[in-house]
Amino acid sequence: MKFINYLEKISGVSIYPVVSLLLFTAVFVLVIIYAMRASRDTIAEMENIPLDDQ
């Protein structure tokens, strides 16, 4: 039995792809907004995190 047959038996399963797409899009947009609004000092500090010896 194929996996798709199990999915067909679940009622309301078609909403899961929509919810996951909306969740991904929301997180992506929030990260883009955070990156655009961050100050140059914050960006420079984050750039140097891998090089810190601490």
Protein backbone atom coordinates (compact mmCIF):
# COMPACT_ATOMS: atom_id res chain seq x y z
CA MET A 1 0.00 0.00 0.00
CA LYS A 2 1.38 3.38 -0.99
CA PHE A 3 1.76 6.28 1.40
CA ILE A 4 -0.74 8.40 -0.56
CA ASN A 5 -3.48 5.90 0.32
CA TYR A 6 -2.97 6.60 4.01
CA LEU A 7 -3.19 10.34 3.42
CA GLU A 8 -6.46 10.00 1.50
CA LYS A 9 -8.09 8.44 4.58
CA ILE A 10 -7.32 11.43 6.83
CA SER A 11 -10.10 14.00 6.82
CA GLY A 12 -8.95 17.57 6.29
CA VAL A 13 -5.43 16.59 5.23
CA SER A 14 -5.46 19.17 2.43
CA ILE A 15 -5.05 22.01 4.93
CA TYR A 16 -1.56 20.89 6.04
CA PRO A 17 0.29 22.00 2.87
CA VAL A 18 -1.40 25.40 3.05
CA VAL A 19 -0.52 25.85 6.72
CA SER A 20 3.09 24.82 6.16
CA LEU A 21 3.42 27.21 3.21
CA LEU A 22 1.97 30.08 5.25
CA LEU A 23 4.27 29.28 8.17
CA PHE A 24 7.35 29.15 5.94
CA THR A 25 6.39 32.41 4.22
CA ALA A 26 5.77 34.17 7.55
CA VAL A 27 9.15 33.10 8.96
CA PHE A 28 10.92 34.05 5.73
CA VAL A 29 9.32 37.51 5.68
CA LEU A 30 10.15 38.08 9.36
CA VAL A 31 13.81 37.18 8.80
CA ILE A 32 13.98 39.52 5.79
CA ILE A 33 12.43 42.35 7.83
CA TYR A 34 14.86 41.69 10.71
CA ALA A 35 17.82 41.74 8.33
CA MET A 36 16.71 44.98 6.71
CA ARG A 37 16.06 46.77 10.00
CA ALA A 38 19.23 45.64 11.80
CA SER A 39 21.83 48.33 12.33
CA ARG A 40 25.22 48.13 10.68
CA ASP A 41 26.87 47.66 14.08
CA THR A 42 24.73 44.61 14.78
CA ILE A 43 25.54 43.15 11.36
CA ALA A 44 29.27 43.73 11.90
CA GLU A 45 29.07 42.08 15.33
CA MET A 46 27.32 39.03 13.86
CA GLU A 47 29.88 38.83 11.05
CA ASN A 48 32.68 38.50 13.60
CA ILE A 49 31.06 35.84 15.81
CA PRO A 50 32.85 32.89 14.07
CA LEU A 51 36.20 34.64 14.45
CA ASP A 52 35.95 35.31 18.18
CA ASP A 53 38.26 33.23 20.36
CA GLN A 54 35.92 33.12 23.35
